[in-house]
Amino acid sequence: MLVHARMLYSRLHAPLAARFAIRPSEKLPDTRKLVAVADKEDQDQNRKTGFAYAAGITLFAAVASFCALGWFLDKWLGTDPWLLIAGIVLGSAAGLYEFVRISSKTY
């Protein structure tokens, strides 16, 4: 039984051993730095990408939250489609406002 366990361990461990091995310091580009710093152009592109994601997520979150609020109020008050529709319209307006506000920032 011990032999089978060792064989199984060695077969599973061998492909992963090279992947997770720590590289020696002479293979690093600069031995004093553990993390490579991105170029200035990459930082600008990452920042702009982050703003684009934030604007899109804000638009979605505003519409979804107002839609959910309208749906819950409809179920509570018994005014079935009207507050849901109002929630979608108000969420779209608030989401578009925030989308434009975030996307128009220049840094």
C-alpha atoms as a PDB file:
ATOM      1  CA  MET A   1       0.000   0.000   0.000  1.00  0.00           C
ATOM      2  CA  LEU A   2       2.848   2.393   0.831  1.00  0.00           C
ATOM      3  CA  VAL A   3       4.465   1.755  -2.562  1.00  0.00           C
ATOM      4  CA  HIS A   4       1.249   2.630  -4.418  1.00  0.00           C
ATOM      5  CA  ALA A   5       0.836   5.836  -2.433  1.00  0.00           C
ATOM      6  CA  ARG A   6       4.399   6.909  -3.210  1.00  0.00           C
ATOM      7  CA  MET A   7       3.943   6.180  -6.913  1.00  0.00           C
ATOM      8  CA  LEU A   8       0.697   8.133  -7.006  1.00  0.00           C
ATOM      9  CA  TYR A   9       2.278  11.041  -5.168  1.00  0.00           C
ATOM     10  CA  SER A  10       5.293  11.093  -7.466  1.00  0.00           C
ATOM     11  CA  ARG A  11       3.126  10.951 -10.584  1.00  0.00           C
ATOM     12  CA  LEU A  12       0.951  13.812  -9.370  1.00  0.00           C
ATOM     13  CA  HIS A  13       3.775  15.867  -7.941  1.00  0.00           C
ATOM     14  CA  ALA A  14       6.220  15.637 -10.872  1.00  0.00           C
ATOM     15  CA  PRO A  15       4.284  17.812 -13.391  1.00  0.00           C
ATOM     16  CA  LEU A  16       3.537  20.419 -10.736  1.00  0.00           C
ATOM     17  CA  ALA A  17       7.025  20.556  -9.265  1.00  0.00           C
ATOM     18  CA  ALA A  18       8.527  22.478 -12.171  1.00  0.00           C
ATOM     19  CA  ARG A  19       5.619  24.900 -12.349  1.00  0.00           C
ATOM     20  CA  PHE A  20       5.671  25.943  -8.699  1.00  0.00           C
ATOM     21  CA  ALA A  21       9.420  25.841  -8.191  1.00  0.00           C
ATOM     22  CA  ILE A  22      10.982  29.043  -6.923  1.00  0.00           C
ATOM     23  CA  ARG A  23      13.335  30.537  -9.432  1.00  0.00           C
ATOM     24  CA  PRO A  24      16.876  31.181  -8.262  1.00  0.00           C
ATOM     25  CA  SER A  25      17.886  34.816  -7.963  1.00  0.00           C
ATOM     26  CA  GLU A  26      20.258  34.710 -10.940  1.00  0.00           C
ATOM     27  CA  LYS A  27      17.309  34.010 -13.255  1.00  0.00           C
ATOM     28  CA  LEU A  28      15.480  37.140 -12.140  1.00  0.00           C
ATOM     29  CA  PRO A  29      16.029  40.204 -14.349  1.00  0.00           C
ATOM     30  CA  ASP A  30      17.120  42.362 -11.417  1.00  0.00           C
ATOM     31  CA  THR A  31      17.926  40.595  -8.157  1.00  0.00           C
ATOM     32  CA  ARG A  32      17.042  43.656  -6.041  1.00  0.00           C
ATOM     33  CA  LYS A  33      13.506  43.905  -7.437  1.00  0.00           C
ATOM     34  CA  LEU A  34      11.002  41.166  -6.795  1.00  0.00           C
ATOM     35  CA  VAL A  35       8.188  42.830  -8.753  1.00  0.00           C
ATOM     36  CA  ALA A  36       8.618  44.401 -12.154  1.00  0.00           C
ATOM     37  CA  VAL A  37       7.195  47.932 -12.390  1.00  0.00           C
ATOM     38  CA  ALA A  38       5.054  48.631 -15.455  1.00  0.00           C
ATOM     39  CA  ASP A  39       5.991  51.318 -17.932  1.00  0.00           C
ATOM     40  CA  LYS A  40       4.312  54.734 -17.812  1.00  0.00           C
ATOM     41  CA  GLU A  41       2.280  53.930 -20.945  1.00  0.00           C
ATOM     42  CA  ASP A  42       1.043  50.678 -19.407  1.00  0.00           C
ATOM     43  CA  GLN A  43       0.019  52.498 -16.233  1.00  0.00           C
ATOM     44  CA  ASP A  44      -2.004  55.033 -18.241  1.00  0.00           C
ATOM     45  CA  GLN A  45      -3.707  52.309 -20.206  1.00  0.00           C
ATOM     46  CA  ASN A  46      -4.491  50.341 -17.033  1.00  0.00           C
ATOM     47  CA  ARG A  47      -5.939  53.445 -15.385  1.00  0.00           C
ATOM     48  CA  LYS A  48      -8.138  54.229 -18.401  1.00  0.00           C
ATOM     49  CA  THR A  49      -9.286  50.631 -18.551  1.00  0.00           C
ATOM     50  CA  GLY A  50     -10.187  50.811 -14.873  1.00  0.00           C
ATOM     51  CA  PHE A  51     -12.294  53.914 -15.470  1.00  0.00           C
ATOM     52  CA  ALA A  52     -14.090  52.188 -18.348  1.00  0.00           C
ATOM     53  CA  TYR A  53     -14.887  49.164 -16.178  1.00  0.00           C
ATOM     54  CA  ALA A  54     -16.042  51.416 -13.329  1.00  0.00           C
ATOM     55  CA  ALA A  55     -18.342  53.363 -15.634  1.00  0.00           C
ATOM     56  CA  GLY A  56     -19.900  50.208 -17.075  1.00  0.00           C
ATOM     57  CA  ILE A  57     -20.354  48.562 -13.689  1.00  0.00           C
ATOM     58  CA  THR A  58     -21.890  51.757 -12.299  1.00  0.00           C
ATOM     59  CA  LEU A  59     -24.394  51.881 -15.158  1.00  0.00           C
ATOM     60  CA  PHE A  60     -25.371  48.250 -14.626  1.00  0.00           C
ATOM     61  CA  ALA A  61     -25.561  48.573 -10.835  1.00  0.00           C
ATOM     62  CA  ALA A  62     -27.788  51.660 -10.985  1.00  0.00           C
ATOM     63  CA  VAL A  63     -30.257  50.055 -13.385  1.00  0.00           C
ATOM     64  CA  ALA A  64     -30.292  46.752 -11.487  1.00  0.00           C
ATOM     65  CA  SER A  65     -30.724  48.348  -8.059  1.00  0.00           C
ATOM     66  CA  PHE A  66     -33.528  50.707  -9.117  1.00  0.00           C
ATOM     67  CA  CYS A  67     -35.208  47.855 -10.998  1.00  0.00           C
ATOM     68  CA  ALA A  68     -35.045  45.639  -7.908  1.00  0.00           C
ATOM     69  CA  LEU A  69     -36.328  48.473  -5.718  1.00  0.00           C
ATOM     70  CA  GLY A  70     -39.262  49.033  -8.077  1.00  0.00           C
ATOM     71  CA  TRP A  71     -40.039  45.319  -8.144  1.00  0.00           C
ATOM     72  CA  PHE A  72     -40.030  45.044  -4.345  1.00  0.00           C
ATOM     73  CA  LEU A  73     -42.205  48.137  -3.983  1.00  0.00           C
ATOM     74  CA  ASP A  74     -44.608  46.722  -6.581  1.00  0.00           C
ATOM     75  CA  LYS A  75     -44.937  43.484  -4.613  1.00  0.00           C
ATOM     76  CA  TRP A  76     -45.370  45.384  -1.347  1.00  0.00           C
ATOM     77  CA  LEU A  77     -47.863  48.004  -2.581  1.00  0.00           C
ATOM     78  CA  GLY A  78     -49.628  45.882  -5.220  1.00  0.00           C
ATOM     79  CA  THR A  79     -49.052  48.262  -8.146  1.00  0.00           C
ATOM     80  CA  ASP A  80     -47.620  45.574 -10.352  1.00  0.00           C
ATOM     81  CA  PRO A  81     -45.812  46.903 -13.409  1.00  0.00           C
ATOM     82  CA  TRP A  82     -45.722  50.642 -12.690  1.00  0.00           C
ATOM     83  CA  LEU A  83     -43.059  50.991 -10.044  1.00  0.00           C
ATOM     84  CA  LEU A  84     -40.888  48.450 -11.857  1.00  0.00           C
ATOM     85  CA  ILE A  85     -41.089  50.588 -14.997  1.00  0.00           C
ATOM     86  CA  ALA A  86     -40.368  53.726 -12.964  1.00  0.00           C
ATOM     87  CA  GLY A  87     -37.384  51.962 -11.384  1.00  0.00           C
ATOM     88  CA  ILE A  88     -36.000  51.027 -14.784  1.00  0.00           C
ATOM     89  CA  VAL A  89     -36.392  54.594 -16.063  1.00  0.00           C
ATOM     90  CA  LEU A  90     -34.908  56.198 -12.944  1.00  0.00           C
ATOM     91  CA  GLY A  91     -32.097  53.633 -12.834  1.00  0.00           C
ATOM     92  CA  SER A  92     -31.271  54.275 -16.473  1.00  0.00           C
ATOM     93  CA  ALA A  93     -31.202  58.034 -15.901  1.00  0.00           C
ATOM     94  CA  ALA A  94     -29.038  57.741 -12.779  1.00  0.00           C
ATOM     95  CA  GLY A  95     -26.763  55.187 -14.435  1.00  0.00           C
ATOM     96  CA  LEU A  96     -26.273  57.303 -17.551  1.00  0.00           C
ATOM     97  CA  TYR A  97     -25.539  60.358 -15.401  1.00  0.00           C
ATOM     98  CA  GLU A  98     -22.882  58.474 -13.451  1.00  0.00           C
ATOM     99  CA  PHE A  99     -21.532  56.880 -16.652  1.00  0.00           C
ATOM    100  CA  VAL A 100     -21.025  60.297 -18.244  1.00  0.00           C
ATOM    101  CA  ARG A 101     -19.597  61.752 -15.024  1.00  0.00           C
ATOM    102  CA  ILE A 102     -17.048  58.964 -14.648  1.00  0.00           C
ATOM    103  CA  SER A 103     -16.109  58.742 -18.322  1.00  0.00           C
ATOM    104  CA  SER A 104     -15.622  62.503 -18.685  1.00  0.00           C
ATOM    105  CA  LYS A 105     -12.939  62.658 -15.977  1.00  0.00           C
ATOM    106  CA  THR A 106      -9.505  63.412 -17.353  1.00  0.00           C
ATOM    107  CA  TYR A 107      -6.548  62.396 -15.265  1.00  0.00           C
END
